[in-house]
Protein backbone atom coordinates (compact mmCIF):
# COMPACT_ATOMS: atom_id res chain seq x y z
CA UNK A 1 0.00 0.00 0.00
CA UNK A 2 1.35 3.42 -0.93
CA UNK A 3 1.30 6.35 1.42
CA UNK A 4 0.79 9.99 0.46
CA UNK A 5 4.55 10.43 0.07
CA UNK A 6 4.90 7.87 -2.71
CA UNK A 7 3.21 6.99 -5.97
CA UNK A 8 3.84 4.56 -8.79
CA UNK A 9 4.35 5.41 -12.45
CA UNK A 10 4.91 3.23 -15.49
CA UNK A 11 8.20 4.13 -17.18
CA UNK A 12 8.99 4.04 -20.90
CA UNK A 13 9.95 0.36 -20.65
CA UNK A 14 6.58 -0.53 -19.11
CA UNK A 15 8.00 -1.15 -15.63
CA UNK A 16 6.42 0.16 -12.44
CA UNK A 17 8.59 2.72 -10.67
CA UNK A 18 7.90 3.97 -7.14
CA UNK A 19 8.49 7.71 -6.79
CA UNK A 20 8.89 9.73 -3.62
CA UNK A 21 7.11 13.06 -3.33
CA UNK A 22 9.59 15.73 -2.25
CA UNK A 23 7.02 18.50 -2.02
CA UNK A 24 3.96 20.01 -3.66
CA UNK A 25 2.99 23.64 -4.02
CA UNK A 26 0.46 25.95 -5.60
CA UNK A 27 1.66 28.92 -7.61
CA UNK A 28 -0.26 32.17 -7.37
CA UNK A 29 1.64 33.31 -10.43
CA UNK A 30 0.59 30.45 -12.74
CA UNK A 31 -2.61 29.39 -10.88
CA UNK A 32 -1.49 25.72 -11.06
CA UNK A 33 -0.46 23.00 -8.60
CA UNK A 34 2.94 21.34 -8.94
CA UNK A 35 4.51 18.18 -7.61
CA UNK A 36 8.27 17.72 -7.28
CA UNK A 37 9.39 14.11 -6.95
CA UNK A 38 12.20 11.62 -7.45
CA UNK A 39 12.54 7.99 -8.47
CA UNK A 40 15.87 7.94 -6.57
CA UNK A 41 17.95 7.29 -9.69
CA UNK A 42 21.21 9.19 -10.08
CA UNK A 43 22.63 11.14 -12.98
CA UNK A 44 26.20 10.74 -14.30
CA UNK A 45 27.51 13.10 -11.60
CA UNK A 46 25.88 11.06 -8.83
CA UNK A 47 23.10 13.57 -8.12
CA UNK A 48 19.62 12.23 -7.40
CA UNK A 49 17.27 12.93 -10.31
CA UNK A 50 14.42 15.28 -9.46
CA UNK A 51 11.31 15.77 -11.61
CA UNK A 52 8.42 18.21 -11.59
CA UNK A 53 4.95 18.04 -13.08
CA UNK A 54 1.62 19.79 -12.97
CA UNK A 55 -1.09 17.90 -11.10
CA UNK A 56 -4.59 18.29 -9.76
CA UNK A 57 -4.55 17.79 -5.96
CA UNK A 58 -8.28 16.97 -6.02
CA UNK A 59 -7.59 13.77 -7.98
CA UNK A 60 -5.55 11.89 -5.40
CA UNK A 61 -6.84 8.44 -6.36
CA UNK A 62 -6.18 8.79 -10.08
CA UNK A 63 -3.43 11.37 -10.25
CA UNK A 64 -2.41 12.47 -13.73
CA UNK A 65 0.98 14.14 -14.10
CA UNK A 66 1.07 16.77 -16.80
CA UNK A 67 4.22 18.22 -18.38
CA UNK A 68 5.48 21.67 -17.53
CA UNK A 69 5.31 23.54 -20.78
CA UNK A 70 6.53 27.09 -20.29
CA UNK A 71 9.80 28.72 -19.29
CA UNK A 72 7.82 30.82 -16.80
CA UNK A 73 6.66 27.67 -14.98
CA UNK A 74 10.17 26.21 -14.94
CA UNK A 75 11.50 29.48 -13.50
CA UNK A 76 8.95 29.31 -10.66
CA UNK A 77 10.02 25.74 -9.85
CA UNK A 78 13.74 26.49 -10.15
CA UNK A 79 13.39 29.46 -7.81
CA UNK A 80 11.69 27.31 -5.17
CA UNK A 81 14.28 24.52 -5.54
CA UNK A 82 17.15 27.01 -5.24
CA UNK A 83 15.68 28.59 -2.10
CA UNK A 84 15.15 25.13 -0.53
CA UNK A 85 18.73 24.12 -1.36
CA UNK A 86 20.02 27.33 0.19
CA UNK A 87 17.94 26.71 3.31
CA UNK A 88 19.33 23.16 3.58
CA UNK A 89 22.90 24.44 3.14
CA UNK A 90 22.37 27.05 5.84
CA UNK A 91 20.86 24.50 8.21
CA UNK A 92 23.72 22.04 7.57
CA UNK A 93 26.26 24.80 8.03
CA UNK A 94 24.64 25.92 11.29
CA UNK A 95 24.64 22.35 12.61
CA UNK A 96 28.27 21.66 11.65
CA UNK A 97 29.42 24.95 13.21
CA UNK A 98 27.82 24.24 16.58
CA UNK A 99 30.08 22.72 19.16
CA UNK A 100 29.35 20.80 22.28
CA UNK A 101 31.36 21.70 25.40
PDB file of N, CA and C in Angstrom:
ATOM      1  N   UNK A   1       0.841  -1.174   0.000  1.00  0.00           N
ATOM      2  CA  UNK A   1       0.000   0.000   0.000  1.00  0.00           C
ATOM      3  C   UNK A   1       0.890   1.244   0.000  1.00  0.00           C
ATOM      4  N   UNK A   2       0.584   2.183  -0.839  1.00  0.00           N
ATOM      5  CA  UNK A   2       1.354   3.415  -0.932  1.00  0.00           C
ATOM      6  C   UNK A   2       0.829   4.440   0.063  1.00  0.00           C
ATOM      7  N   UNK A   3       1.754   5.257   0.572  1.00  0.00           N
ATOM      8  CA  UNK A   3       1.296   6.347   1.416  1.00  0.00           C
ATOM      9  C   UNK A   3       1.259   7.623   0.579  1.00  0.00           C
ATOM     10  N   UNK A   4       0.928   8.736   1.209  1.00  0.00           N
ATOM     11  CA  UNK A   4       0.791   9.987   0.462  1.00  0.00           C
ATOM     12  C   UNK A   4       2.130  10.535  -0.016  1.00  0.00           C
ATOM     13  N   UNK A   5       3.232   9.957   0.469  1.00  0.00           N
ATOM     14  CA  UNK A   5       4.552  10.433   0.068  1.00  0.00           C
ATOM     15  C   UNK A   5       5.155   9.637  -1.074  1.00  0.00           C
ATOM     16  N   UNK A   6       4.420   8.655  -1.572  1.00  0.00           N
ATOM     17  CA  UNK A   6       4.904   7.874  -2.714  1.00  0.00           C
ATOM     18  C   UNK A   6       3.765   7.659  -3.709  1.00  0.00           C
ATOM     19  N   UNK A   7       4.164   7.393  -4.934  1.00  0.00           N
ATOM     20  CA  UNK A   7       3.212   6.990  -5.968  1.00  0.00           C
ATOM     21  C   UNK A   7       3.960   6.165  -6.995  1.00  0.00           C
ATOM     22  N   UNK A   8       3.232   5.433  -7.803  1.00  0.00           N
ATOM     23  CA  UNK A   8       3.837   4.558  -8.794  1.00  0.00           C
ATOM     24  C   UNK A   8       3.519   5.065 -10.192  1.00  0.00           C
ATOM     25  N   UNK A   9       4.532   5.059 -11.045  1.00  0.00           N
ATOM     26  CA  UNK A   9       4.350   5.410 -12.451  1.00  0.00           C
ATOM     27  C   UNK A   9       4.849   4.245 -13.298  1.00  0.00           C
ATOM     28  N   UNK A  10       4.413   4.213 -14.534  1.00  0.00           N
ATOM     29  CA  UNK A  10       4.908   3.230 -15.491  1.00  0.00           C
ATOM     30  C   UNK A  10       5.929   3.957 -16.368  1.00  0.00           C
ATOM     31  N   UNK A  11       7.168   3.450 -16.393  1.00  0.00           N
ATOM     32  CA  UNK A  11       8.200   4.127 -17.184  1.00  0.00           C
ATOM     33  C   UNK A  11       8.099   3.746 -18.661  1.00  0.00           C
ATOM     34  N   UNK A  12       9.030   4.258 -19.449  1.00  0.00           N
ATOM     35  CA  UNK A  12       8.992   4.041 -20.901  1.00  0.00           C
ATOM     36  C   UNK A  12       9.170   2.574 -21.286  1.00  0.00           C
ATOM     37  N   UNK A  13       9.772   1.786 -20.390  1.00  0.00           N
ATOM     38  CA  UNK A  13       9.955   0.355 -20.654  1.00  0.00           C
ATOM     39  C   UNK A  13       8.787  -0.487 -20.142  1.00  0.00           C
ATOM     40  N   UNK A  14       7.749   0.174 -19.598  1.00  0.00           N
ATOM     41  CA  UNK A  14       6.584  -0.531 -19.109  1.00  0.00           C
ATOM     42  C   UNK A  14       6.725  -1.069 -17.693  1.00  0.00           C
ATOM     43  N   UNK A  15       7.779  -0.673 -16.993  1.00  0.00           N
ATOM     44  CA  UNK A  15       7.998  -1.146 -15.625  1.00  0.00           C
ATOM     45  C   UNK A  15       7.426  -0.152 -14.622  1.00  0.00           C
ATOM     46  N   UNK A  16       6.919  -0.693 -13.512  1.00  0.00           N
ATOM     47  CA  UNK A  16       6.424   0.161 -12.438  1.00  0.00           C
ATOM     48  C   UNK A  16       7.605   0.740 -11.668  1.00  0.00           C
ATOM     49  N   UNK A  17       7.544   2.032 -11.415  1.00  0.00           N
ATOM     50  CA  UNK A  17       8.593   2.717 -10.669  1.00  0.00           C
ATOM     51  C   UNK A  17       7.934   3.481  -9.522  1.00  0.00           C
ATOM     52  N   UNK A  18       8.414   3.254  -8.305  1.00  0.00           N
ATOM     53  CA  UNK A  18       7.899   3.973  -7.140  1.00  0.00           C
ATOM     54  C   UNK A  18       8.653   5.292  -7.031  1.00  0.00           C
ATOM     55  N   UNK A  19       7.908   6.377  -6.917  1.00  0.00           N
ATOM     56  CA  UNK A  19       8.487   7.713  -6.795  1.00  0.00           C
ATOM     57  C   UNK A  19       8.152   8.282  -5.421  1.00  0.00           C
ATOM     58  N   UNK A  20       9.095   9.054  -4.901  1.00  0.00           N
ATOM     59  CA  UNK A  20       8.893   9.735  -3.624  1.00  0.00           C
ATOM     60  C   UNK A  20       8.554  11.189  -3.885  1.00  0.00           C
ATOM     61  N   UNK A  21       7.500  11.659  -3.233  1.00  0.00           N
ATOM     62  CA  UNK A  21       7.109  13.061  -3.334  1.00  0.00           C
ATOM     63  C   UNK A  21       8.045  13.868  -2.451  1.00  0.00           C
ATOM     64  N   UNK A  22       8.728  14.851  -3.038  1.00  0.00           N
ATOM     65  CA  UNK A  22       9.591  15.727  -2.254  1.00  0.00           C
ATOM     66  C   UNK A  22       8.778  16.868  -1.666  1.00  0.00           C
ATOM     67  N   UNK A  23       7.947  17.490  -2.494  1.00  0.00           N
ATOM     68  CA  UNK A  23       7.020  18.502  -2.021  1.00  0.00           C
ATOM     69  C   UNK A  23       6.036  18.853  -3.118  1.00  0.00           C
ATOM     70  N   UNK A  24       4.954  19.490  -2.720  1.00  0.00           N
ATOM     71  CA  UNK A  24       3.965  20.008  -3.658  1.00  0.00           C
ATOM     72  C   UNK A  24       3.748  21.475  -3.312  1.00  0.00           C
ATOM     73  N   UNK A  25       3.302  22.230  -4.284  1.00  0.00           N
ATOM     74  CA  UNK A  25       2.990  23.637  -4.022  1.00  0.00           C
ATOM     75  C   UNK A  25       2.043  24.170  -5.078  1.00  0.00           C
ATOM     76  N   UNK A  26       1.350  25.224  -4.698  1.00  0.00           N
ATOM     77  CA  UNK A  26       0.460  25.950  -5.603  1.00  0.00           C
ATOM     78  C   UNK A  26       1.131  27.267  -5.933  1.00  0.00           C
ATOM     79  N   UNK A  27       1.070  27.654  -7.189  1.00  0.00           N
ATOM     80  CA  UNK A  27       1.664  28.925  -7.608  1.00  0.00           C
ATOM     81  C   UNK A  27       0.566  29.952  -7.843  1.00  0.00           C
ATOM     82  N   UNK A  28       0.663  31.059  -7.132  1.00  0.00           N
ATOM     83  CA  UNK A  28      -0.262  32.169  -7.369  1.00  0.00           C
ATOM     84  C   UNK A  28      -0.008  32.771  -8.745  1.00  0.00           C
ATOM     85  N   UNK A  29       1.246  32.705  -9.157  1.00  0.00           N
ATOM     86  CA  UNK A  29       1.641  33.308 -10.430  1.00  0.00           C
ATOM     87  C   UNK A  29       1.040  32.570 -11.630  1.00  0.00           C
ATOM     88  N   UNK A  30       1.085  31.227 -11.601  1.00  0.00           N
ATOM     89  CA  UNK A  30       0.585  30.446 -12.741  1.00  0.00           C
ATOM     90  C   UNK A  30      -0.818  29.880 -12.510  1.00  0.00           C
ATOM     91  N   UNK A  31      -1.286  29.930 -11.251  1.00  0.00           N
ATOM     92  CA  UNK A  31      -2.605  29.388 -10.882  1.00  0.00           C
ATOM     93  C   UNK A  31      -2.678  27.875 -11.092  1.00  0.00           C
ATOM     94  N   UNK A  32      -1.540  27.177 -10.885  1.00  0.00           N
ATOM     95  CA  UNK A  32      -1.491  25.723 -11.056  1.00  0.00           C
ATOM     96  C   UNK A  32      -0.859  25.090  -9.818  1.00  0.00           C
ATOM     97  N   UNK A  33      -1.080  23.773  -9.668  1.00  0.00           N
ATOM     98  CA  UNK A  33      -0.459  23.002  -8.604  1.00  0.00           C
ATOM     99  C   UNK A  33       0.665  22.167  -9.202  1.00  0.00           C
ATOM    100  N   UNK A  34       1.768  22.064  -8.457  1.00  0.00           N
ATOM    101  CA  UNK A  34       2.943  21.339  -8.941  1.00  0.00           C
ATOM    102  C   UNK A  34       3.354  20.290  -7.923  1.00  0.00           C
ATOM    103  N   UNK A  35       3.948  19.220  -8.443  1.00  0.00           N
ATOM    104  CA  UNK A  35       4.506  18.180  -7.606  1.00  0.00           C
ATOM    105  C   UNK A  35       5.958  17.993  -8.024  1.00  0.00           C
ATOM    106  N   UNK A  36       6.844  17.946  -7.040  1.00  0.00           N
ATOM    107  CA  UNK A  36       8.265  17.718  -7.284  1.00  0.00           C
ATOM    108  C   UNK A  36       8.589  16.375  -6.638  1.00  0.00           C
ATOM    109  N   UNK A  37       9.210  15.482  -7.409  1.00  0.00           N
ATOM    110  CA  UNK A  37       9.388  14.112  -6.951  1.00  0.00           C
ATOM    111  C   UNK A  37      10.676  13.504  -7.501  1.00  0.00           C
ATOM    112  N   UNK A  38      11.026  12.337  -6.982  1.00  0.00           N
ATOM    113  CA  UNK A  38      12.203  11.617  -7.451  1.00  0.00           C
ATOM    114  C   UNK A  38      11.903  10.129  -7.522  1.00  0.00           C
ATOM    115  N   UNK A  39      12.601   9.456  -8.426  1.00  0.00           N
ATOM    116  CA  UNK A  39      12.539   7.994  -8.474  1.00  0.00           C
ATOM    117  C   UNK A  39      13.816   7.410  -7.864  1.00  0.00           C
ATOM    118  N   UNK A  40      14.625   8.288  -7.258  1.00  0.00           N
ATOM    119  CA  UNK A  40      15.869   7.941  -6.570  1.00  0.00           C
ATOM    120  C   UNK A  40      16.964   7.394  -7.480  1.00  0.00           C
ATOM    121  N   UNK A  41      16.850   7.632  -8.792  1.00  0.00           N
ATOM    122  CA  UNK A  41      17.950   7.292  -9.685  1.00  0.00           C
ATOM    123  C   UNK A  41      18.944   8.445  -9.656  1.00  0.00           C
ATOM    124  N   UNK A  42      20.168   8.167 -10.098  1.00  0.00           N
ATOM    125  CA  UNK A  42      21.211   9.190 -10.082  1.00  0.00           C
ATOM    126  C   UNK A  42      21.672   9.495 -11.499  1.00  0.00           C
ATOM    127  N   UNK A  43      22.086  10.758 -11.688  1.00  0.00           N
ATOM    128  CA  UNK A  43      22.634  11.144 -12.980  1.00  0.00           C
ATOM    129  C   UNK A  43      24.116  10.760 -13.034  1.00  0.00           C
ATOM    130  N   UNK A  44      24.793  11.121 -14.110  1.00  0.00           N
ATOM    131  CA  UNK A  44      26.199  10.739 -14.301  1.00  0.00           C
ATOM    132  C   UNK A  44      27.117  11.338 -13.244  1.00  0.00           C
ATOM    133  N   UNK A  45      26.710  12.456 -12.647  1.00  0.00           N
ATOM    134  CA  UNK A  45      27.510  13.103 -11.604  1.00  0.00           C
ATOM    135  C   UNK A  45      27.187  12.568 -10.213  1.00  0.00           C
ATOM    136  N   UNK A  46      26.240  11.638 -10.117  1.00  0.00           N
ATOM    137  CA  UNK A  46      25.879  11.060  -8.828  1.00  0.00           C
ATOM    138  C   UNK A  46      24.794  11.817  -8.089  1.00  0.00           C
ATOM    139  N   UNK A  47      24.192  12.808  -8.745  1.00  0.00           N
ATOM    140  CA  UNK A  47      23.100  13.567  -8.125  1.00  0.00           C
ATOM    141  C   UNK A  47      21.779  12.824  -8.315  1.00  0.00           C
ATOM    142  N   UNK A  48      20.941  12.864  -7.298  1.00  0.00           N
ATOM    143  CA  UNK A  48      19.621  12.227  -7.404  1.00  0.00           C
ATOM    144  C   UNK A  48      18.768  13.021  -8.386  1.00  0.00           C
ATOM    145  N   UNK A  49      18.136  12.309  -9.303  1.00  0.00           N
ATOM    146  CA  UNK A  49      17.270  12.930 -10.310  1.00  0.00           C
ATOM    147  C   UNK A  49      15.993  13.440  -9.646  1.00  0.00           C
ATOM    148  N   UNK A  50      15.629  14.670  -9.976  1.00  0.00           N
ATOM    149  CA  UNK A  50      14.416  15.280  -9.457  1.00  0.00           C
ATOM    150  C   UNK A  50      13.554  15.699 -10.649  1.00  0.00           C
ATOM    151  N   UNK A  51      12.255  15.458 -10.542  1.00  0.00           N
ATOM    152  CA  UNK A  51      11.314  15.770 -11.614  1.00  0.00           C
ATOM    153  C   UNK A  51      10.213  16.672 -11.077  1.00  0.00           C
ATOM    154  N   UNK A  52       9.561  17.372 -11.971  1.00  0.00           N
ATOM    155  CA  UNK A  52       8.424  18.212 -11.586  1.00  0.00           C
ATOM    156  C   UNK A  52       7.339  18.082 -12.644  1.00  0.00           C
ATOM    157  N   UNK A  53       6.098  18.132 -12.177  1.00  0.00           N
ATOM    158  CA  UNK A  53       4.947  18.044 -13.075  1.00  0.00           C
ATOM    159  C   UNK A  53       3.814  18.889 -12.520  1.00  0.00           C
ATOM    160  N   UNK A  54       2.870  19.159 -13.379  1.00  0.00           N
ATOM    161  CA  UNK A  54       1.616  19.794 -12.974  1.00  0.00           C
ATOM    162  C   UNK A  54       0.679  18.663 -12.558  1.00  0.00           C
ATOM    163  N   UNK A  55      -0.109  18.901 -11.516  1.00  0.00           N
ATOM    164  CA  UNK A  55      -1.087  17.896 -11.104  1.00  0.00           C
ATOM    165  C   UNK A  55      -2.304  18.572 -10.503  1.00  0.00           C
ATOM    166  N   UNK A  56      -3.362  17.803 -10.374  1.00  0.00           N
ATOM    167  CA  UNK A  56      -4.593  18.290  -9.755  1.00  0.00           C
ATOM    168  C   UNK A  56      -4.716  17.633  -8.387  1.00  0.00           C
ATOM    169  N   UNK A  57      -4.510  18.394  -7.295  1.00  0.00           N
ATOM    170  CA  UNK A  57      -4.549  17.789  -5.960  1.00  0.00           C
ATOM    171  C   UNK A  57      -5.901  17.190  -5.587  1.00  0.00           C
ATOM    172  N   UNK A  58      -6.953  17.526  -6.307  1.00  0.00           N
ATOM    173  CA  UNK A  58      -8.284  16.971  -6.020  1.00  0.00           C
ATOM    174  C   UNK A  58      -8.420  15.540  -6.536  1.00  0.00           C
ATOM    175  N   UNK A  59      -7.509  15.115  -7.405  1.00  0.00           N
ATOM    176  CA  UNK A  59      -7.586  13.773  -7.983  1.00  0.00           C
ATOM    177  C   UNK A  59      -6.515  12.861  -7.393  1.00  0.00           C
ATOM    178  N   UNK A  60      -6.550  12.698  -6.087  1.00  0.00           N
ATOM    179  CA  UNK A  60      -5.548  11.890  -5.398  1.00  0.00           C
ATOM    180  C   UNK A  60      -5.571  10.425  -5.831  1.00  0.00           C
ATOM    181  N   UNK A  61      -6.745   9.860  -6.045  1.00  0.00           N
ATOM    182  CA  UNK A  61      -6.844   8.442  -6.360  1.00  0.00           C
ATOM    183  C   UNK A  61      -6.388   8.112  -7.778  1.00  0.00           C
ATOM    184  N   UNK A  62      -6.554   9.026  -8.690  1.00  0.00           N
ATOM    185  CA  UNK A  62      -6.181   8.785 -10.084  1.00  0.00           C
ATOM    186  C   UNK A  62      -5.369   9.978 -10.592  1.00  0.00           C
ATOM    187  N   UNK A  63      -4.228  10.190  -9.967  1.00  0.00           N
ATOM    188  CA  UNK A  63      -3.428  11.375 -10.252  1.00  0.00           C
ATOM    189  C   UNK A  63      -2.801  11.302 -11.639  1.00  0.00           C
ATOM    190  N   UNK A  64      -3.008  12.361 -12.402  1.00  0.00           N
ATOM    191  CA  UNK A  64      -2.412  12.471 -13.725  1.00  0.00           C
ATOM    192  C   UNK A  64      -1.339  13.553 -13.663  1.00  0.00           C
ATOM    193  N   UNK A  65      -0.111  13.184 -14.064  1.00  0.00           N
ATOM    194  CA  UNK A  65       0.983  14.143 -14.102  1.00  0.00           C
ATOM    195  C   UNK A  65       1.044  14.752 -15.495  1.00  0.00           C
ATOM    196  N   UNK A  66       1.043  16.063 -15.529  1.00  0.00           N
ATOM    197  CA  UNK A  66       1.074  16.767 -16.805  1.00  0.00           C
ATOM    198  C   UNK A  66       2.422  17.476 -16.952  1.00  0.00           C
ATOM    199  N   UNK A  67       2.913  17.587 -18.179  1.00  0.00           N
ATOM    200  CA  UNK A  67       4.218  18.219 -18.383  1.00  0.00           C
ATOM    201  C   UNK A  67       4.185  19.724 -18.124  1.00  0.00           C
ATOM    202  N   UNK A  68       5.308  20.228 -17.689  1.00  0.00           N
ATOM    203  CA  UNK A  68       5.478  21.672 -17.527  1.00  0.00           C
ATOM    204  C   UNK A  68       5.903  22.194 -18.889  1.00  0.00           C
ATOM    205  N   UNK A  69       5.158  23.163 -19.385  1.00  0.00           N
ATOM    206  CA  UNK A  69       5.312  23.544 -20.783  1.00  0.00           C
ATOM    207  C   UNK A  69       5.966  24.891 -21.021  1.00  0.00           C
ATOM    208  N   UNK A  70       6.019  25.748 -20.014  1.00  0.00           N
ATOM    209  CA  UNK A  70       6.533  27.091 -20.291  1.00  0.00           C
ATOM    210  C   UNK A  70       7.791  27.386 -19.480  1.00  0.00           C
ATOM    211  N   UNK A  71       8.599  28.280 -20.002  1.00  0.00           N
ATOM    212  CA  UNK A  71       9.798  28.715 -19.289  1.00  0.00           C
ATOM    213  C   UNK A  71       9.421  29.414 -17.988  1.00  0.00           C
ATOM    214  N   UNK A  72       8.297  30.119 -17.996  1.00  0.00           N
ATOM    215  CA  UNK A  72       7.823  30.820 -16.797  1.00  0.00           C
ATOM    216  C   UNK A  72       7.576  29.816 -15.665  1.00  0.00           C
ATOM    217  N   UNK A  73       6.924  28.694 -15.990  1.00  0.00           N
ATOM    218  CA  UNK A  73       6.658  27.673 -14.980  1.00  0.00           C
ATOM    219  C   UNK A  73       7.959  27.064 -14.458  1.00  0.00           C
ATOM    220  N   UNK A  74       8.891  26.774 -15.368  1.00  0.00           N
ATOM    221  CA  UNK A  74      10.173  26.207 -14.936  1.00  0.00           C
ATOM    222  C   UNK A  74      10.914  27.190 -14.031  1.00  0.00           C
ATOM    223  N   UNK A  75      10.833  28.471 -14.328  1.00  0.00           N
ATOM    224  CA  UNK A  75      11.504  29.479 -13.505  1.00  0.00           C
ATOM    225  C   UNK A  75      10.917  29.487 -12.088  1.00  0.00           C
ATOM    226  N   UNK A  76       9.604  29.370 -11.967  1.00  0.00           N
ATOM    227  CA  UNK A  76       8.952  29.312 -10.657  1.00  0.00           C
ATOM    228  C   UNK A  76       9.492  28.117  -9.871  1.00  0.00           C
ATOM    229  N   UNK A  77       9.551  26.959 -10.510  1.00  0.00           N
ATOM    230  CA  UNK A  77      10.019  25.736  -9.854  1.00  0.00           C
ATOM    231  C   UNK A  77      11.497  25.851  -9.490  1.00  0.00           C
ATOM    232  N   UNK A  78      12.303  26.334 -10.415  1.00  0.00           N
ATOM    233  CA  UNK A  78      13.739  26.491 -10.149  1.00  0.00           C
ATOM    234  C   UNK A  78      13.992  27.433  -8.986  1.00  0.00           C
ATOM    235  N   UNK A  79      13.232  28.503  -8.903  1.00  0.00           N
ATOM    236  CA  UNK A  79      13.392  29.459  -7.810  1.00  0.00           C
ATOM    237  C   UNK A  79      13.095  28.794  -6.467  1.00  0.00           C
ATOM    238  N   UNK A  80      12.036  28.009  -6.412  1.00  0.00           N
ATOM    239  CA  UNK A  80      11.692  27.309  -5.174  1.00  0.00           C
ATOM    240  C   UNK A  80      12.767  26.285  -4.819  1.00  0.00           C
ATOM    241  N   UNK A  81      13.232  25.513  -5.798  1.00  0.00           N
ATOM    242  CA  UNK A  81      14.280  24.522  -5.536  1.00  0.00           C
ATOM    243  C   UNK A  81      15.562  25.186  -5.039  1.00  0.00           C
ATOM    244  N   UNK A  82      15.935  26.298  -5.657  1.00  0.00           N
ATOM    245  CA  UNK A  82      17.147  27.011  -5.237  1.00  0.00           C
ATOM    246  C   UNK A  82      17.014  27.531  -3.810  1.00  0.00           C
ATOM    247  N   UNK A  83      15.851  28.065  -3.462  1.00  0.00           N
ATOM    248  CA  UNK A  83      15.681  28.585  -2.097  1.00  0.00           C
ATOM    249  C   UNK A  83      15.686  27.441  -1.082  1.00  0.00           C
ATOM    250  N   UNK A  84      15.120  26.288  -1.434  1.00  0.00           N
ATOM    251  CA  UNK A  84      15.152  25.135  -0.533  1.00  0.00           C
ATOM    252  C   UNK A  84      16.575  24.613  -0.357  1.00  0.00           C
ATOM    253  N   UNK A  85      17.339  24.563  -1.452  1.00  0.00           N
ATOM    254  CA  UNK A  85      18.726  24.115  -1.356  1.00  0.00           C
ATOM    255  C   UNK A  85      19.541  25.060  -0.484  1.00  0.00           C
ATOM    256  N   UNK A  86      19.313  26.348  -0.617  1.00  0.00           N
ATOM    257  CA  UNK A  86      20.025  27.335   0.194  1.00  0.00           C
ATOM    258  C   UNK A  86      19.656  27.162   1.666  1.00  0.00           C
ATOM    259  N   UNK A  87      18.393  26.924   1.934  1.00  0.00           N
ATOM    260  CA  UNK A  87      17.941  26.713   3.309  1.00  0.00           C
ATOM    261  C   UNK A  87      18.596  25.474   3.907  1.00  0.00           C
ATOM    262  N   UNK A  88      18.689  24.399   3.114  1.00  0.00           N
ATOM    263  CA  UNK A  88      19.331  23.161   3.582  1.00  0.00           C
ATOM    264  C   UNK A  88      20.815  23.403   3.846  1.00  0.00           C
ATOM    265  N   UNK A  89      21.479  24.119   2.935  1.00  0.00           N
ATOM    266  CA  UNK A  89      22.901  24.436   3.139  1.00  0.00           C
ATOM    267  C   UNK A  89      23.103  25.235   4.420  1.00  0.00           C
ATOM    268  N   UNK A  90      22.255  26.224   4.643  1.00  0.00           N
ATOM    269  CA  UNK A  90      22.375  27.051   5.840  1.00  0.00           C
ATOM    270  C   UNK A  90      22.127  26.230   7.102  1.00  0.00           C
ATOM    271  N   UNK A  91      21.149  25.349   7.064  1.00  0.00           N
ATOM    272  CA  UNK A  91      20.859  24.496   8.210  1.00  0.00           C
ATOM    273  C   UNK A  91      22.024  23.551   8.480  1.00  0.00           C
ATOM    274  N   UNK A  92      22.573  22.955   7.414  1.00  0.00           N
ATOM    275  CA  UNK A  92      23.715  22.045   7.567  1.00  0.00           C
ATOM    276  C   UNK A  92      24.924  22.795   8.100  1.00  0.00           C
ATOM    277  N   UNK A  93      25.132  23.988   7.589  1.00  0.00           N
ATOM    278  CA  UNK A  93      26.262  24.804   8.031  1.00  0.00           C
ATOM    279  C   UNK A  93      26.106  25.181   9.494  1.00  0.00           C
ATOM    280  N   UNK A  94      24.898  25.560   9.899  1.00  0.00           N
ATOM    281  CA  UNK A  94      24.636  25.921  11.293  1.00  0.00           C
ATOM    282  C   UNK A  94      24.885  24.725  12.218  1.00  0.00           C
ATOM    283  N   UNK A  95      24.460  23.533  11.788  1.00  0.00           N
ATOM    284  CA  UNK A  95      24.637  22.349  12.609  1.00  0.00           C
ATOM    285  C   UNK A  95      26.091  21.930  12.700  1.00  0.00           C
ATOM    286  N   UNK A  96      26.867  22.072  11.618  1.00  0.00           N
ATOM    287  CA  UNK A  96      28.268  21.663  11.649  1.00  0.00           C
ATOM    288  C   UNK A  96      29.130  22.675  12.391  1.00  0.00           C
ATOM    289  N   UNK A  97      28.661  23.919  12.509  1.00  0.00           N
ATOM    290  CA  UNK A  97      29.424  24.945  13.210  1.00  0.00           C
ATOM    291  C   UNK A  97      29.155  24.956  14.703  1.00  0.00           C
ATOM    292  N   UNK A  98      28.092  24.236  15.146  1.00  0.00           N
ATOM    293  CA  UNK A  98      27.821  24.236  16.583  1.00  0.00           C
ATOM    294  C   UNK A  98      28.760  23.247  17.261  1.00  0.00           C
ATOM    295  N   UNK A  99      29.187  23.604  18.416  1.00  0.00           N
ATOM    296  CA  UNK A  99      30.077  22.717  19.159  1.00  0.00           C
ATOM    297  C   UNK A  99      29.460  22.387  20.503  1.00  0.00           C
ATOM    298  N   UNK A 100      29.833  21.240  20.990  1.00  0.00           N
ATOM    299  CA  UNK A 100      29.347  20.797  22.285  1.00  0.00           C
ATOM    300  C   UNK A 100      30.504  20.901  23.258  1.00  0.00           C
ATOM    301  N   UNK A 101      30.294  21.564  24.389  1.00  0.00           N
ATOM    302  CA  UNK A 101      31.360  21.703  25.400  1.00  0.00           C
ATOM    303  C   UNK A 101      31.242  20.649  26.449  1.00  0.00           C
TER     304      UNK A 101
END
